[in-house]
Amino acid sequence: MRKVKPDEMHGGYAGRSLQDKIRALMDKQNKRVKADGDRSSTDYMLKVGRLEGMAAALAILRNIPGAPSSVNHEIQLSNERINETA
């Protein structure tokens, strides 16, 4: 079991927040998209669709007035996160 970082935890004993869970799944999916070499395959398109769907869900949850939170912005943040850990 992987060690959870303090910034990934939610207060109390509730565990990680929904946003943290979606962020983690989105980063895994983003790595899968980047690892797929055949960009014309149906499998690649499904991976991209799932990534965009998670980004859209996260953008909806993070809808803070005055803050940018679009699908492209969430994917950009995911790219930054996975490049940090790679």
Protein backbone atom coordinates (compact mmCIF):
# COMPACT_ATOMS: atom_id res chain seq x y z
CA MET A 1 0.00 0.00 0.00
CA ARG A 2 1.42 3.38 -0.95
CA LYS A 3 2.05 6.05 1.65
CA VAL A 4 -0.41 8.93 1.44
CA LYS A 5 1.07 12.43 1.45
CA PRO A 6 -0.36 14.95 3.95
CA ASP A 7 -1.68 17.16 1.14
CA GLU A 8 -3.66 14.19 -0.21
CA MET A 9 -5.53 13.69 3.05
CA HIS A 10 -8.86 15.08 4.03
CA GLY A 11 -9.47 16.27 7.58
CA GLY A 12 -10.49 13.80 10.24
CA TYR A 13 -10.76 10.10 9.52
CA ALA A 14 -12.74 10.44 6.30
CA GLY A 15 -9.77 9.73 4.04
CA ARG A 16 -8.98 11.48 0.78
CA SER A 17 -11.51 13.87 -0.70
CA LEU A 18 -13.41 13.14 -3.89
CA GLN A 19 -11.27 15.68 -5.73
CA ASP A 20 -8.09 13.96 -4.54
CA LYS A 21 -9.37 10.58 -5.72
CA ILE A 22 -10.31 11.94 -9.15
CA ARG A 23 -6.93 13.72 -9.40
CA ALA A 24 -5.08 10.46 -8.68
CA LEU A 25 -7.14 8.49 -11.22
CA MET A 26 -6.73 11.26 -13.77
CA ASP A 27 -2.94 11.23 -13.38
CA LYS A 28 -2.86 7.45 -13.89
CA GLN A 29 -5.00 7.79 -17.01
CA ASN A 30 -2.82 10.63 -18.28
CA LYS A 31 0.24 8.37 -17.96
CA ARG A 32 -1.59 5.68 -19.97
CA VAL A 33 -2.40 8.19 -22.71
CA LYS A 34 1.21 9.35 -22.90
CA ALA A 35 2.49 5.74 -23.00
CA ASP A 36 0.25 4.79 -25.93
CA GLY A 37 2.20 5.25 -29.16
CA ASP A 38 -0.59 4.59 -31.68
CA ARG A 39 -2.62 7.80 -31.70
CA SER A 40 -4.92 6.55 -34.44
CA SER A 41 -6.20 3.52 -32.51
CA THR A 42 -9.62 3.24 -30.93
CA ASP A 43 -7.98 2.32 -27.63
CA TYR A 44 -6.05 5.61 -27.62
CA MET A 45 -9.24 7.58 -28.30
CA LEU A 46 -10.99 5.82 -25.40
CA LYS A 47 -8.09 6.68 -23.09
CA VAL A 48 -8.23 10.34 -24.13
CA GLY A 49 -12.01 10.38 -23.68
CA ARG A 50 -11.70 8.98 -20.16
CA LEU A 51 -9.01 11.54 -19.35
CA GLU A 52 -11.19 14.40 -20.60
CA GLY A 53 -14.18 13.04 -18.69
CA MET A 54 -12.26 12.97 -15.42
CA ALA A 55 -10.94 16.47 -16.14
CA ALA A 56 -14.50 17.68 -16.74
CA ALA A 57 -15.70 16.14 -13.46
CA LEU A 58 -12.82 17.72 -11.58
CA ALA A 59 -13.47 21.08 -13.24
CA ILE A 60 -17.10 20.92 -12.11
CA LEU A 61 -16.13 20.07 -8.52
CA ARG A 62 -13.49 22.78 -8.41
CA ASN A 63 -15.76 25.47 -9.83
CA ILE A 64 -14.50 28.38 -7.75
CA PRO A 65 -15.65 31.85 -8.84
CA GLY A 66 -12.79 33.74 -10.46
CA ALA A 67 -10.49 30.71 -10.76
CA PRO A 68 -9.78 28.99 -14.09
CA SER A 69 -11.06 25.44 -13.96
CA SER A 70 -11.70 24.17 -17.46
CA VAL A 71 -10.97 20.75 -18.92
CA ASN A 72 -7.81 22.02 -20.61
CA HIS A 73 -6.65 23.65 -17.38
CA GLU A 74 -7.19 20.44 -15.39
CA ILE A 75 -5.26 18.41 -18.00
CA GLN A 76 -2.45 20.96 -17.87
CA LEU A 77 -2.31 20.62 -14.07
CA SER A 78 -2.23 16.82 -14.43
CA ASN A 79 0.66 17.10 -16.89
CA GLU A 80 2.55 19.20 -14.36
CA ARG A 81 1.84 16.68 -11.57
CA ILE A 82 2.98 13.62 -13.53
CA ASN A 83 6.12 15.37 -14.76
CA GLU A 84 7.01 16.18 -11.14
CA THR A 85 6.77 12.55 -10.08
CA ALA A 86 8.33 11.01 -13.19
